[in-house]
Protein backbone atom coordinates (compact mmCIF):
# COMPACT_ATOMS: atom_id res chain seq x y z
CA MET A 1 -14.03 -41.85 -66.89
CA SER A 2 -17.52 -40.50 -66.81
CA LEU A 3 -19.20 -38.57 -64.05
CA GLU A 4 -21.46 -41.39 -63.09
CA THR A 5 -18.84 -43.99 -62.57
CA ARG A 6 -16.93 -41.95 -60.06
CA GLY A 7 -20.11 -41.37 -57.97
CA VAL A 8 -20.12 -37.56 -58.40
CA ALA A 9 -23.49 -35.87 -58.15
CA GLN A 10 -25.14 -34.44 -61.23
CA PRO A 11 -24.20 -30.90 -62.06
CA ALA A 12 -26.67 -28.23 -60.94
CA TRP A 13 -27.19 -27.03 -64.49
CA ARG A 14 -29.07 -30.03 -65.33
CA PHE A 15 -31.86 -29.18 -62.75
CA ASP A 16 -32.22 -25.57 -63.62
CA HIS A 17 -34.95 -26.54 -66.29
CA LEU A 18 -36.75 -28.59 -63.67
CA ARG A 19 -36.61 -25.72 -61.19
CA ARG A 20 -38.07 -23.30 -63.70
CA ILE A 21 -40.90 -25.58 -64.50
CA GLY A 22 -41.64 -25.96 -60.66
CA ILE A 23 -41.65 -22.24 -60.16
CA GLY A 24 -43.80 -21.61 -63.21
CA SER A 25 -46.35 -24.30 -61.95
CA TRP A 26 -46.47 -22.69 -58.69
CA ALA A 27 -47.13 -19.25 -60.25
CA ILE A 28 -49.79 -20.74 -62.49
CA LEU A 29 -51.59 -22.33 -59.46
CA GLY A 30 -51.25 -18.97 -57.53
CA ILE A 31 -52.91 -17.08 -60.50
CA ILE A 32 -55.76 -19.63 -60.58
CA LEU A 33 -56.23 -19.34 -56.83
CA VAL A 34 -56.39 -15.54 -56.94
CA ALA A 35 -58.90 -15.77 -59.93
CA VAL A 36 -61.04 -18.21 -57.94
CA VAL A 37 -61.09 -15.94 -54.83
CA VAL A 38 -61.89 -12.82 -57.06
CA MET A 39 -64.78 -14.55 -58.90
CA SER A 40 -66.21 -15.89 -55.49
CA ALA A 41 -66.23 -12.37 -54.05
CA LEU A 42 -67.82 -10.87 -57.09
CA GLY A 43 -70.38 -13.74 -57.04
CA ALA A 44 -71.12 -12.85 -53.30
CA LEU A 45 -71.45 -9.23 -54.11
CA SER A 46 -73.58 -9.43 -57.25
CA GLY A 47 -76.78 -9.22 -54.94
CA ILE A 48 -75.57 -5.86 -53.57
CA VAL A 49 -73.82 -4.38 -56.69
CA ILE A 50 -76.79 -4.44 -59.05
CA PRO A 51 -79.34 -2.69 -56.62
CA LEU A 52 -76.47 -0.13 -56.05
CA ILE A 53 -76.14 0.48 -59.82
CA ILE A 54 -79.82 0.79 -60.26
CA ALA A 55 -79.98 3.30 -57.24
CA PHE A 56 -77.25 5.29 -58.84
CA ILE A 57 -79.06 5.47 -62.08
CA ILE A 58 -82.46 6.53 -60.53
CA GLY A 59 -80.58 9.16 -58.56
CA THR A 60 -78.90 10.50 -61.52
CA VAL A 61 -82.05 10.62 -63.47
CA LEU A 62 -84.06 12.33 -60.65
CA ASP A 63 -81.34 14.95 -59.88
CA PRO A 64 -82.92 17.54 -62.13
CA LEU A 65 -86.15 17.15 -60.57
CA VAL A 66 -84.65 17.61 -57.03
CA GLY A 67 -82.90 20.69 -58.24
CA ARG A 68 -86.16 22.16 -59.48
CA LEU A 69 -87.92 21.44 -56.27
CA ARG A 70 -85.08 22.94 -54.33
CA GLY A 71 -85.31 26.06 -56.62
CA ALA A 72 -88.84 26.44 -56.06
CA GLY A 73 -88.28 26.74 -52.31
CA GLN A 74 -89.27 23.12 -51.44
CA GLY A 75 -87.23 22.08 -48.42
CA ARG A 76 -85.90 18.63 -47.46
CA ASP A 77 -89.13 17.91 -45.60
CA HIS A 78 -91.12 18.36 -48.87
CA LEU A 79 -88.66 15.96 -50.73
CA LEU A 80 -88.94 13.32 -48.09
CA ASP A 81 -92.81 13.62 -48.25
CA PHE A 82 -92.66 13.31 -52.06
CA ALA A 83 -90.36 10.10 -51.62
CA ARG A 84 -92.76 8.62 -49.02
CA SER A 85 -95.69 9.17 -51.38
CA VAL A 86 -93.82 7.44 -54.25
CA ASP A 87 -93.12 4.49 -51.97
CA ILE A 88 -96.72 4.25 -50.79
CA LEU A 89 -97.92 4.36 -54.41
CA ARG A 90 -95.29 1.62 -55.21
CA ILE A 91 -96.56 -0.52 -52.55
CA VAL A 92 -100.09 -0.07 -53.48
CA PHE A 93 -99.38 -1.05 -57.20
CA LEU A 94 -97.53 -4.13 -56.10
CA VAL A 95 -100.33 -5.35 -53.75
CA LEU A 96 -102.93 -4.59 -56.59
CA ARG A 97 -100.76 -6.34 -59.12
CA THR A 98 -100.38 -9.66 -57.11
CA ALA A 99 -104.03 -9.75 -56.01
């Protein structure tokens, strides 16, 4: 007499494969969800990250100039005046270029 004819439930080992497939499917969906969240966060931060990288490069390049100015006895006030002068020249250049 077979198991089906006696009305006995199927053995649990027959559903192990189905359970592994289900767990694997949920794991794949979780990985996809995490990837989507990370990519969305990077997309939202791209407007901030690129200017920060550029500022870091400019700061690294101008570091020797700052060291020389400090070595020559120029204090923080002179460095701020220099930065303001550069900003003013940049604004004037942009205005002349767009006119």
